[in-house]
Structures are given as structure tokens and as C-alpha cells.
mmCIF file of all heavy atoms, coordinates in Angstrom:
data_MODEL
# 
_entry.id   MODEL 
# 
loop_
_atom_site.group_PDB 
_atom_site.id 
_atom_site.type_symbol 
_atom_site.label_atom_id 
_atom_site.label_alt_id 
_atom_site.label_comp_id 
_atom_site.label_asym_id 
_atom_site.label_entity_id 
_atom_site.label_seq_id 
_atom_site.pdbx_PDB_ins_code 
_atom_site.Cartn_x 
_atom_site.Cartn_y 
_atom_site.Cartn_z 
_atom_site.occupancy 
_atom_site.B_iso_or_equiv 
_atom_site.pdbx_formal_charge 
_atom_site.auth_seq_id 
_atom_site.auth_comp_id 
_atom_site.auth_asym_id 
_atom_site.auth_atom_id 
_atom_site.pdbx_PDB_model_num 
ATOM 1   N N   . ARG A 1 1  ? 22.296  17.882 9.178  1.00 0.00 ? 1  ARG A N   1 
ATOM 2   C CA  . ARG A 1 1  ? 20.870  17.557 9.201  1.00 0.00 ? 1  ARG A CA  1 
ATOM 3   C C   . ARG A 1 1  ? 20.232  18.022 7.899  1.00 0.00 ? 1  ARG A C   1 
ATOM 4   O O   . ARG A 1 1  ? 20.553  19.079 7.374  1.00 0.00 ? 1  ARG A O   1 
ATOM 5   C CB  . ARG A 1 1  ? 20.237  18.244 10.395 1.00 0.00 ? 1  ARG A CB  1 
ATOM 6   C CG  . ARG A 1 1  ? 18.833  17.831 10.646 1.00 0.00 ? 1  ARG A CG  1 
ATOM 7   C CD  . ARG A 1 1  ? 18.365  18.243 12.030 1.00 0.00 ? 1  ARG A CD  1 
ATOM 8   N NE  . ARG A 1 1  ? 16.950  18.000 12.120 1.00 0.00 ? 1  ARG A NE  1 
ATOM 9   C CZ  . ARG A 1 1  ? 16.167  18.490 13.047 1.00 0.00 ? 1  ARG A CZ  1 
ATOM 10  N NH1 . ARG A 1 1  ? 16.698  19.277 13.973 1.00 0.00 ? 1  ARG A NH1 1 
ATOM 11  N NH2 . ARG A 1 1  ? 14.924  18.232 13.081 1.00 0.00 ? 1  ARG A NH2 1 
ATOM 12  N N   . ASP A 1 2  ? 19.298  17.252 7.426  1.00 0.00 ? 2  ASP A N   1 
ATOM 13  C CA  . ASP A 1 2  ? 18.594  17.555 6.181  1.00 0.00 ? 2  ASP A CA  1 
ATOM 14  C C   . ASP A 1 2  ? 17.808  18.865 6.329  1.00 0.00 ? 2  ASP A C   1 
ATOM 15  O O   . ASP A 1 2  ? 17.073  19.041 7.305  1.00 0.00 ? 2  ASP A O   1 
ATOM 16  C CB  . ASP A 1 2  ? 17.653  16.365 5.884  1.00 0.00 ? 2  ASP A CB  1 
ATOM 17  C CG  . ASP A 1 2  ? 16.810  16.605 4.656  1.00 0.00 ? 2  ASP A CG  1 
ATOM 18  O OD1 . ASP A 1 2  ? 17.288  17.252 3.722  1.00 0.00 ? 2  ASP A OD1 1 
ATOM 19  O OD2 . ASP A 1 2  ? 15.663  16.107 4.641  1.00 0.00 ? 2  ASP A OD2 1 
ATOM 20  N N   . PRO A 1 3  ? 17.946  19.798 5.376  1.00 0.00 ? 3  PRO A N   1 
ATOM 21  C CA  . PRO A 1 3  ? 17.228  21.080 5.457  1.00 0.00 ? 3  PRO A CA  1 
ATOM 22  C C   . PRO A 1 3  ? 15.700  20.912 5.497  1.00 0.00 ? 3  PRO A C   1 
ATOM 23  O O   . PRO A 1 3  ? 15.009  21.690 6.170  1.00 0.00 ? 3  PRO A O   1 
ATOM 24  C CB  . PRO A 1 3  ? 17.666  21.828 4.200  1.00 0.00 ? 3  PRO A CB  1 
ATOM 25  C CG  . PRO A 1 3  ? 18.881  21.146 3.709  1.00 0.00 ? 3  PRO A CG  1 
ATOM 26  C CD  . PRO A 1 3  ? 18.853  19.748 4.249  1.00 0.00 ? 3  PRO A CD  1 
ATOM 27  N N   . ILE A 1 4  ? 15.198  19.911 4.805  1.00 0.00 ? 4  ILE A N   1 
ATOM 28  C CA  . ILE A 1 4  ? 13.753  19.684 4.819  1.00 0.00 ? 4  ILE A CA  1 
ATOM 29  C C   . ILE A 1 4  ? 13.304  19.244 6.214  1.00 0.00 ? 4  ILE A C   1 
ATOM 30  O O   . ILE A 1 4  ? 12.265  19.685 6.717  1.00 0.00 ? 4  ILE A O   1 
ATOM 31  C CB  . ILE A 1 4  ? 13.339  18.631 3.770  1.00 0.00 ? 4  ILE A CB  1 
ATOM 32  C CG1 . ILE A 1 4  ? 13.666  19.149 2.357  1.00 0.00 ? 4  ILE A CG1 1 
ATOM 33  C CG2 . ILE A 1 4  ? 11.869  18.276 3.879  1.00 0.00 ? 4  ILE A CG2 1 
ATOM 34  C CD1 . ILE A 1 4  ? 12.900  20.385 1.930  1.00 0.00 ? 4  ILE A CD1 1 
ATOM 35  N N   . GLU A 1 5  ? 14.121  18.394 6.868  1.00 0.00 ? 5  GLU A N   1 
ATOM 36  C CA  . GLU A 1 5  ? 13.782  17.971 8.223  1.00 0.00 ? 5  GLU A CA  1 
ATOM 37  C C   . GLU A 1 5  ? 13.850  19.163 9.188  1.00 0.00 ? 5  GLU A C   1 
ATOM 38  O O   . GLU A 1 5  ? 13.025  19.271 10.092 1.00 0.00 ? 5  GLU A O   1 
ATOM 39  C CB  . GLU A 1 5  ? 14.721  16.856 8.682  1.00 0.00 ? 5  GLU A CB  1 
ATOM 40  C CG  . GLU A 1 5  ? 14.374  15.518 8.066  1.00 0.00 ? 5  GLU A CG  1 
ATOM 41  C CD  . GLU A 1 5  ? 15.244  14.398 8.604  1.00 0.00 ? 5  GLU A CD  1 
ATOM 42  O OE1 . GLU A 1 5  ? 15.867  14.559 9.672  1.00 0.00 ? 5  GLU A OE1 1 
ATOM 43  O OE2 . GLU A 1 5  ? 15.285  13.336 7.952  1.00 0.00 ? 5  GLU A OE2 1 
ATOM 44  N N   . GLU A 1 6  ? 14.816  20.046 8.996  1.00 0.00 ? 6  GLU A N   1 
ATOM 45  C CA  . GLU A 1 6  ? 14.910  21.246 9.839  1.00 0.00 ? 6  GLU A CA  1 
ATOM 46  C C   . GLU A 1 6  ? 13.687  22.132 9.655  1.00 0.00 ? 6  GLU A C   1 
ATOM 47  O O   . GLU A 1 6  ? 13.128  22.670 10.617 1.00 0.00 ? 6  GLU A O   1 
ATOM 48  C CB  . GLU A 1 6  ? 16.182  22.020 9.529  1.00 0.00 ? 6  GLU A CB  1 
ATOM 49  C CG  . GLU A 1 6  ? 17.431  21.350 10.095 1.00 0.00 ? 6  GLU A CG  1 
ATOM 50  C CD  . GLU A 1 6  ? 18.681  22.177 9.860  1.00 0.00 ? 6  GLU A CD  1 
ATOM 51  O OE1 . GLU A 1 6  ? 18.570  23.419 9.739  1.00 0.00 ? 6  GLU A OE1 1 
ATOM 52  O OE2 . GLU A 1 6  ? 19.752  21.564 9.795  1.00 0.00 ? 6  GLU A OE2 1 
ATOM 53  N N   . LEU A 1 7  ? 13.261  22.300 8.404  1.00 0.00 ? 7  LEU A N   1 
ATOM 54  C CA  . LEU A 1 7  ? 12.065  23.086 8.131  1.00 0.00 ? 7  LEU A CA  1 
ATOM 55  C C   . LEU A 1 7  ? 10.849  22.436 8.770  1.00 0.00 ? 7  LEU A C   1 
ATOM 56  O O   . LEU A 1 7  ? 10.039  23.101 9.426  1.00 0.00 ? 7  LEU A O   1 
ATOM 57  C CB  . LEU A 1 7  ? 11.871  23.229 6.611  1.00 0.00 ? 7  LEU A CB  1 
ATOM 58  C CG  . LEU A 1 7  ? 10.568  23.903 6.156  1.00 0.00 ? 7  LEU A CG  1 
ATOM 59  C CD1 . LEU A 1 7  ? 10.503  25.334 6.702  1.00 0.00 ? 7  LEU A CD1 1 
ATOM 60  C CD2 . LEU A 1 7  ? 10.457  23.876 4.649  1.00 0.00 ? 7  LEU A CD2 1 
ATOM 61  N N   . ALA A 1 8  ? 10.725  21.121 8.611  1.00 0.00 ? 8  ALA A N   1 
ATOM 62  C CA  . ALA A 1 8  ? 9.593   20.395 9.224  1.00 0.00 ? 8  ALA A CA  1 
ATOM 63  C C   . ALA A 1 8  ? 9.603   20.539 10.736 1.00 0.00 ? 8  ALA A C   1 
ATOM 64  O O   . ALA A 1 8  ? 8.561   20.759 11.359 1.00 0.00 ? 8  ALA A O   1 
ATOM 65  C CB  . ALA A 1 8  ? 9.643   18.930 8.817  1.00 0.00 ? 8  ALA A CB  1 
ATOM 66  N N   . ASP A 1 9  ? 10.785  20.471 11.332 1.00 0.00 ? 9  ASP A N   1 
ATOM 67  C CA  . ASP A 1 9  ? 10.904  20.620 12.777 1.00 0.00 ? 9  ASP A CA  1 
ATOM 68  C C   . ASP A 1 9  ? 10.476  22.017 13.212 1.00 0.00 ? 9  ASP A C   1 
ATOM 69  O O   . ASP A 1 9  ? 9.751   22.198 14.196 1.00 0.00 ? 9  ASP A O   1 
ATOM 70  C CB  . ASP A 1 9  ? 12.342  20.330 13.216 1.00 0.00 ? 9  ASP A CB  1 
ATOM 71  C CG  . ASP A 1 9  ? 12.493  20.311 14.723 1.00 0.00 ? 9  ASP A CG  1 
ATOM 72  O OD1 . ASP A 1 9  ? 11.697  19.635 15.402 1.00 0.00 ? 9  ASP A OD1 1 
ATOM 73  O OD2 . ASP A 1 9  ? 13.405  21.019 15.218 1.00 0.00 ? 9  ASP A OD2 1 
ATOM 74  N N   . GLY A 1 10 ? 10.896  23.025 12.465 1.00 0.00 ? 10 GLY A N   1 
ATOM 75  C CA  . GLY A 1 10 ? 10.519  24.408 12.766 1.00 0.00 ? 10 GLY A CA  1 
ATOM 76  C C   . GLY A 1 10 ? 9.029   24.637 12.631 1.00 0.00 ? 10 GLY A C   1 
ATOM 77  O O   . GLY A 1 10 ? 8.403   25.314 13.457 1.00 0.00 ? 10 GLY A O   1 
ATOM 78  N N   . LEU A 1 11 ? 8.441   24.082 11.553 1.00 0.00 ? 11 LEU A N   1 
ATOM 79  C CA  . LEU A 1 11 ? 6.997   24.232 11.351 1.00 0.00 ? 11 LEU A CA  1 
ATOM 80  C C   . LEU A 1 11 ? 6.217   23.510 12.448 1.00 0.00 ? 11 LEU A C   1 
ATOM 81  O O   . LEU A 1 11 ? 5.199   24.022 12.936 1.00 0.00 ? 11 LEU A O   1 
ATOM 82  C CB  . LEU A 1 11 ? 6.593   23.688 9.982  1.00 0.00 ? 11 LEU A CB  1 
ATOM 83  C CG  . LEU A 1 11 ? 6.999   24.564 8.785  1.00 0.00 ? 11 LEU A CG  1 
ATOM 84  C CD1 . LEU A 1 11 ? 6.709   23.831 7.483  1.00 0.00 ? 11 LEU A CD1 1 
ATOM 85  C CD2 . LEU A 1 11 ? 6.294   25.909 8.832  1.00 0.00 ? 11 LEU A CD2 1 
ATOM 86  N N   . HIS A 1 12 ? 6.692   22.352 12.834 1.00 0.00 ? 12 HIS A N   1 
ATOM 87  C CA  . HIS A 1 12 ? 6.054   21.594 13.916 1.00 0.00 ? 12 HIS A CA  1 
ATOM 88  C C   . HIS A 1 12 ? 6.044   22.411 15.192 1.00 0.00 ? 12 HIS A C   1 
ATOM 89  O O   . HIS A 1 12 ? 5.019   22.564 15.877 1.00 0.00 ? 12 HIS A O   1 
ATOM 90  C CB  . HIS A 1 12 ? 6.774   20.263 14.121 1.00 0.00 ? 12 HIS A CB  1 
ATOM 91  C CG  . HIS A 1 12 ? 6.184   19.427 15.186 1.00 0.00 ? 12 HIS A CG  1 
ATOM 92  N ND1 . HIS A 1 12 ? 6.683   19.423 16.473 1.00 0.00 ? 12 HIS A ND1 1 
ATOM 93  C CD2 . HIS A 1 12 ? 5.128   18.583 15.169 1.00 0.00 ? 12 HIS A CD2 1 
ATOM 94  C CE1 . HIS A 1 12 ? 5.945   18.607 17.210 1.00 0.00 ? 12 HIS A CE1 1 
ATOM 95  N NE2 . HIS A 1 12 ? 5.002   18.071 16.444 1.00 0.00 ? 12 HIS A NE2 1 
ATOM 96  N N   . SER A 1 13 ? 7.183   22.988 15.548 1.00 0.00 ? 13 SER A N   1 
ATOM 97  C CA  . SER A 1 13 ? 7.302   23.795 16.750 1.00 0.00 ? 13 SER A CA  1 
ATOM 98  C C   . SER A 1 13 ? 6.392   25.019 16.664 1.00 0.00 ? 13 SER A C   1 
ATOM 99  O O   . SER A 1 13 ? 5.693   25.370 17.618 1.00 0.00 ? 13 SER A O   1 
ATOM 100 C CB  . SER A 1 13 ? 8.756   24.219 16.946 1.00 0.00 ? 13 SER A CB  1 
ATOM 101 O OG  . SER A 1 13 ? 8.879   25.011 18.097 1.00 0.00 ? 13 SER A OG  1 
ATOM 102 N N   . ALA A 1 14 ? 6.390   25.687 15.525 1.00 0.00 ? 14 ALA A N   1 
ATOM 103 C CA  . ALA A 1 14 ? 5.541   26.874 15.334 1.00 0.00 ? 14 ALA A CA  1 
ATOM 104 C C   . ALA A 1 14 ? 4.069   26.529 15.460 1.00 0.00 ? 14 ALA A C   1 
ATOM 105 O O   . ALA A 1 14 ? 3.292   27.271 16.064 1.00 0.00 ? 14 ALA A O   1 
ATOM 106 C CB  . ALA A 1 14 ? 5.839   27.514 13.974 1.00 0.00 ? 14 ALA A CB  1 
ATOM 107 N N   . ALA A 1 15 ? 3.670   25.382 14.905 1.00 0.00 ? 15 ALA A N   1 
ATOM 108 C CA  . ALA A 1 15 ? 2.271   24.965 14.989 1.00 0.00 ? 15 ALA A CA  1 
ATOM 109 C C   . ALA A 1 15 ? 1.849   24.729 16.424 1.00 0.00 ? 15 ALA A C   1 
ATOM 110 O O   . ALA A 1 15 ? 0.763   25.124 16.834 1.00 0.00 ? 15 ALA A O   1 
ATOM 111 C CB  . ALA A 1 15 ? 2.062   23.701 14.142 1.00 0.00 ? 15 ALA A CB  1 
ATOM 112 N N   . ILE A 1 16 ? 2.715   24.096 17.203 1.00 0.00 ? 16 ILE A N   1 
ATOM 113 C CA  . ILE A 1 16 ? 2.386   23.836 18.593 1.00 0.00 ? 16 ILE A CA  1 
ATOM 114 C C   . ILE A 1 16 ? 2.239   25.161 19.355 1.00 0.00 ? 16 ILE A C   1 
ATOM 115 O O   . ILE A 1 16 ? 1.281   25.354 20.117 1.00 0.00 ? 16 ILE A O   1 
ATOM 116 C CB  . ILE A 1 16 ? 3.459   22.937 19.240 1.00 0.00 ? 16 ILE A CB  1 
ATOM 117 C CG1 . ILE A 1 16 ? 3.324   21.508 18.681 1.00 0.00 ? 16 ILE A CG1 1 
ATOM 118 C CG2 . ILE A 1 16 ? 3.349   22.943 20.773 1.00 0.00 ? 16 ILE A CG2 1 
ATOM 119 C CD1 . ILE A 1 16 ? 4.448   20.581 19.080 1.00 0.00 ? 16 ILE A CD1 1 
ATOM 120 N N   . HIS A 1 17 ? 3.168   26.087 19.159 1.00 0.00 ? 17 HIS A N   1 
ATOM 121 C CA  . HIS A 1 17 ? 3.094   27.386 19.833 1.00 0.00 ? 17 HIS A CA  1 
ATOM 122 C C   . HIS A 1 17 ? 1.836   28.150 19.410 1.00 0.00 ? 17 HIS A C   1 
ATOM 123 O O   . HIS A 1 17 ? 1.177   28.771 20.237 1.00 0.00 ? 17 HIS A O   1 
ATOM 124 C CB  . HIS A 1 17 ? 4.351   28.205 19.583 1.00 0.00 ? 17 HIS A CB  1 
ATOM 125 C CG  . HIS A 1 17 ? 5.558   27.678 20.278 1.00 0.00 ? 17 HIS A CG  1 
ATOM 126 N ND1 . HIS A 1 17 ? 5.710   27.758 21.654 1.00 0.00 ? 17 HIS A ND1 1 
ATOM 127 C CD2 . HIS A 1 17 ? 6.640   27.029 19.822 1.00 0.00 ? 17 HIS A CD2 1 
ATOM 128 C CE1 . HIS A 1 17 ? 6.855   27.199 21.978 1.00 0.00 ? 17 HIS A CE1 1 
ATOM 129 N NE2 . HIS A 1 17 ? 7.433   26.741 20.896 1.00 0.00 ? 17 HIS A NE2 1 
ATOM 130 N N   . LEU A 1 18 ? 1.525   28.093 18.125 1.00 0.00 ? 18 LEU A N   1 
ATOM 131 C CA  . LEU A 1 18 ? 0.342   28.768 17.632 1.00 0.00 ? 18 LEU A CA  1 
ATOM 132 C C   . LEU A 1 18 ? -0.922  28.191 18.258 1.00 0.00 ? 18 LEU A C   1 
ATOM 133 O O   . LEU A 1 18 ? -1.796  28.912 18.731 1.00 0.00 ? 18 LEU A O   1 
ATOM 134 C CB  . LEU A 1 18 ? 0.268   28.653 16.116 1.00 0.00 ? 18 LEU A CB  1 
ATOM 135 C CG  . LEU A 1 18 ? -0.991  29.190 15.442 1.00 0.00 ? 18 LEU A CG  1 
ATOM 136 C CD1 . LEU A 1 18 ? -1.100  30.686 15.678 1.00 0.00 ? 18 LEU A CD1 1 
ATOM 137 C CD2 . LEU A 1 18 ? -0.961  28.879 13.954 1.00 0.00 ? 18 LEU A CD2 1 
ATOM 138 N N   . LEU A 1 19 ? -1.029  26.862 18.306 1.00 0.00 ? 19 LEU A N   1 
ATOM 139 C CA  . LEU A 1 19 ? -2.199  26.243 18.897 1.00 0.00 ? 19 LEU A CA  1 
ATOM 140 C C   . LEU A 1 19 ? -2.337  26.573 20.387 1.00 0.00 ? 19 LEU A C   1 
ATOM 141 O O   . LEU A 1 19 ? -3.440  26.794 20.898 1.00 0.00 ? 19 LEU A O   1 
ATOM 142 C CB  . LEU A 1 19 ? -2.180  24.738 18.690 1.00 0.00 ? 19 LEU A CB  1 
ATOM 143 C CG  . LEU A 1 19 ? -2.450  24.296 17.253 1.00 0.00 ? 19 LEU A CG  1 
ATOM 144 C CD1 . LEU A 1 19 ? -2.261  22.803 17.100 1.00 0.00 ? 19 LEU A CD1 1 
ATOM 145 C CD2 . LEU A 1 19 ? -3.852  24.703 16.828 1.00 0.00 ? 19 LEU A CD2 1 
ATOM 146 N N   . ARG A 1 20 ? -1.230  26.663 21.098 1.00 0.00 ? 20 ARG A N   1 
ATOM 147 C CA  . ARG A 1 20 ? -1.268  27.038 22.513 1.00 0.00 ? 20 ARG A CA  1 
ATOM 148 C C   . ARG A 1 20 ? -1.814  28.463 22.655 1.00 0.00 ? 20 ARG A C   1 
ATOM 149 O O   . ARG A 1 20 ? -2.625  28.734 23.536 1.00 0.00 ? 20 ARG A O   1 
ATOM 150 C CB  . ARG A 1 20 ? 0.121   26.942 23.140 1.00 0.00 ? 20 ARG A CB  1 
ATOM 151 C CG  . ARG A 1 20 ? 0.506   25.548 23.476 1.00 0.00 ? 20 ARG A CG  1 
ATOM 152 C CD  . ARG A 1 20 ? 1.803   25.514 24.298 1.00 0.00 ? 20 ARG A CD  1 
ATOM 153 N NE  . ARG A 1 20 ? 2.236   24.154 24.405 1.00 0.00 ? 20 ARG A NE  1 
ATOM 154 C CZ  . ARG A 1 20 ? 3.493   23.748 24.154 1.00 0.00 ? 20 ARG A CZ  1 
ATOM 155 N NH1 . ARG A 1 20 ? 4.405   24.604 23.783 1.00 0.00 ? 20 ARG A NH1 1 
ATOM 156 N NH2 . ARG A 1 20 ? 3.793   22.482 24.276 1.00 0.00 ? 20 ARG A NH2 1 
ATOM 157 N N   . ARG A 1 21 ? -1.339  29.363 21.807 1.00 0.00 ? 21 ARG A N   1 
ATOM 158 C CA  . ARG A 1 21 ? -1.826  30.752 21.870 1.00 0.00 ? 21 ARG A CA  1 
ATOM 159 C C   . ARG A 1 21 ? -3.314  30.820 21.580 1.00 0.00 ? 21 ARG A C   1 
ATOM 160 O O   . ARG A 1 21 ? -4.050  31.522 22.261 1.00 0.00 ? 21 ARG A O   1 
ATOM 161 C CB  . ARG A 1 21 ? -1.065  31.615 20.852 1.00 0.00 ? 21 ARG A CB  1 
ATOM 162 C CG  . ARG A 1 21 ? -0.022  32.475 21.514 1.00 0.00 ? 21 ARG A CG  1 
ATOM 163 C CD  . ARG A 1 21 ? 0.617   33.416 20.510 1.00 0.00 ? 21 ARG A CD  1 
ATOM 164 N NE  . ARG A 1 21 ? 1.939   32.886 20.264 1.00 0.00 ? 21 ARG A NE  1 
ATOM 165 C CZ  . ARG A 1 21 ? 2.527   32.786 19.094 1.00 0.00 ? 21 ARG A CZ  1 
ATOM 166 N NH1 . ARG A 1 21 ? 1.915   33.193 18.025 1.00 0.00 ? 21 ARG A NH1 1 
ATOM 167 N NH2 . ARG A 1 21 ? 3.722   32.279 18.972 1.00 0.00 ? 21 ARG A NH2 1 
ATOM 168 N N   . LEU A 1 22 ? -3.742  30.090 20.586 1.00 0.00 ? 22 LEU A N   1 
ATOM 169 C CA  . LEU A 1 22 ? -5.163  30.133 20.197 1.00 0.00 ? 22 LEU A CA  1 
ATOM 170 C C   . LEU A 1 22 ? -6.026  29.439 21.256 1.00 0.00 ? 22 LEU A C   1 
ATOM 171 O O   . LEU A 1 22 ? -7.175  29.827 21.479 1.00 0.00 ? 22 LEU A O   1 
ATOM 172 C CB  . LEU A 1 22 ? -5.365  29.478 18.827 1.00 0.00 ? 22 LEU A CB  1 
ATOM 173 C CG  . LEU A 1 22 ? -4.748  30.240 17.666 1.00 0.00 ? 22 LEU A CG  1 
ATOM 174 C CD1 . LEU A 1 22 ? -4.955  29.471 16.370 1.00 0.00 ? 22 LEU A CD1 1 
ATOM 175 C CD2 . LEU A 1 22 ? -5.271  31.645 17.568 1.00 0.00 ? 22 LEU A CD2 1 
ATOM 176 N N   . ARG A 1 23 ? -5.477  28.434 21.924 1.00 0.00 ? 23 ARG A N   1 
ATOM 177 C CA  . ARG A 1 23 ? -6.227  27.706 22.937 1.00 0.00 ? 23 ARG A CA  1 
ATOM 178 C C   . ARG A 1 23 ? -6.624  28.629 24.103 1.00 0.00 ? 23 ARG A C   1 
ATOM 179 O O   . ARG A 1 23 ? -7.620  28.408 24.763 1.00 0.00 ? 23 ARG A O   1 
ATOM 180 C CB  . ARG A 1 23 ? -5.416  26.525 23.449 1.00 0.00 ? 23 ARG A CB  1 
ATOM 181 C CG  . ARG A 1 23 ? -6.297  25.466 24.071 1.00 0.00 ? 23 ARG A CG  1 
ATOM 182 C CD  . ARG A 1 23 ? -5.540  24.210 24.499 1.00 0.00 ? 23 ARG A CD  1 
ATOM 183 N NE  . ARG A 1 23 ? -4.764  23.635 23.431 1.00 0.00 ? 23 ARG A NE  1 
ATOM 184 C CZ  . ARG A 1 23 ? -3.501  23.207 23.530 1.00 0.00 ? 23 ARG A CZ  1 
ATOM 185 N NH1 . ARG A 1 23 ? -2.893  23.268 24.681 1.00 0.00 ? 23 ARG A NH1 1 
ATOM 186 N NH2 . ARG A 1 23 ? -2.870  22.701 22.511 1.00 0.00 ? 23 ARG A NH2 1 
ATOM 187 N N   . ARG A 1 24 ? -5.825  29.682 24.326 1.00 0.00 ? 24 ARG A N   1 
ATOM 188 C CA  . ARG A 1 24 ? -6.192  30.664 25.387 1.00 0.00 ? 24 ARG A CA  1 
ATOM 189 C C   . ARG A 1 24 ? -7.547  31.281 25.127 1.00 0.00 ? 24 ARG A C   1 
ATOM 190 O O   . ARG A 1 24 ? -8.263  31.629 26.055 1.00 0.00 ? 24 ARG A O   1 
ATOM 191 C CB  . ARG A 1 24 ? -5.114  31.744 25.488 1.00 0.00 ? 24 ARG A CB  1 
ATOM 192 C CG  . ARG A 1 24 ? -3.814  31.218 26.030 1.00 0.00 ? 24 ARG A CG  1 
ATOM 193 C CD  . ARG A 1 24 ? -2.806  32.329 26.187 1.00 0.00 ? 24 ARG A CD  1 
ATOM 194 N NE  . ARG A 1 24 ? -1.478  31.747 26.339 1.00 0.00 ? 24 ARG A NE  1 
ATOM 195 C CZ  . ARG A 1 24 ? -0.413  32.087 25.629 1.00 0.00 ? 24 ARG A CZ  1 
ATOM 196 N NH1 . ARG A 1 24 ? -0.482  33.039 24.739 1.00 0.00 ? 24 ARG A NH1 1 
ATOM 197 N NH2 . ARG A 1 24 ? 0.723   31.476 25.823 1.00 0.00 ? 24 ARG A NH2 1 
ATOM 198 N N   . GLU A 1 25 ? -7.899  31.418 23.865 1.00 0.00 ? 25 GLU A N   1 
ATOM 199 C CA  . GLU A 1 25 ? -9.211  31.976 23.509 1.00 0.00 ? 25 GLU A CA  1 
ATOM 200 C C   . GLU A 1 25 ? -10.340 31.034 23.878 1.00 0.00 ? 25 GLU A C   1 
ATOM 201 O O   . GLU A 1 25 ? -11.469 31.471 24.077 1.00 0.00 ? 25 GLU A O   1 
ATOM 202 C CB  . GLU A 1 25 ? -9.264  32.293 22.007 1.00 0.00 ? 25 GLU A CB  1 
ATOM 203 C CG  . GLU A 1 25 ? -8.273  33.347 21.555 1.00 0.00 ? 25 GLU A CG  1 
ATOM 204 C CD  . GLU A 1 25 ? -8.443  34.658 22.273 1.00 0.00 ? 25 GLU A CD  1 
ATOM 205 O OE1 . GLU A 1 25 ? -9.594  35.088 22.517 1.00 0.00 ? 25 GLU A OE1 1 
ATOM 206 O OE2 . GLU A 1 25 ? -7.416  35.280 22.633 1.00 0.00 ? 25 GLU A OE2 1 
ATOM 207 N N   . ASP A 1 26 ? -10.043 29.759 23.970 1.00 0.00 ? 26 ASP A N   1 
ATOM 208 C CA  . ASP A 1 26 ? -11.061 28.765 24.281 1.00 0.00 ? 26 ASP A CA  1 
ATOM 209 C C   . ASP A 1 26 ? -11.617 28.940 25.693 1.00 0.00 ? 26 ASP A C   1 
ATOM 210 O O   . ASP A 1 26 ? -12.763 28.553 25.977 1.00 0.00 ? 26 ASP A O   1 
ATOM 211 C CB  . ASP A 1 26 ? -10.517 27.343 24.103 1.00 0.00 ? 26 ASP A CB  1 
ATOM 212 C CG  . ASP A 1 26 ? -10.211 27.016 22.658 1.00 0.00 ? 26 ASP A CG  1 
ATOM 213 O OD1 . ASP A 1 26 ? -10.695 27.746 21.769 1.00 0.00 ? 26 ASP A OD1 1 
ATOM 214 O OD2 . ASP A 1 26 ? -9.484  26.027 22.429 1.00 0.00 ? 26 ASP A OD2 1 
# 
């Protein structure tokens, strides 16, 4: 697998988890 795609996949996953955590504050 392309390393850039792996990085993008990891960032995507991290962003989703981060938004879920922050949404609790809402």
C-alpha cells in the first residue's frame, strides 16, 4: 500500500475520533 495513502487513512481516522471527542462538549 502507498505510504501516502496509509498516512491519509490514519489522519482520516484520527480526525473522526477527534471530532467525536469534541462533539461531547456540544
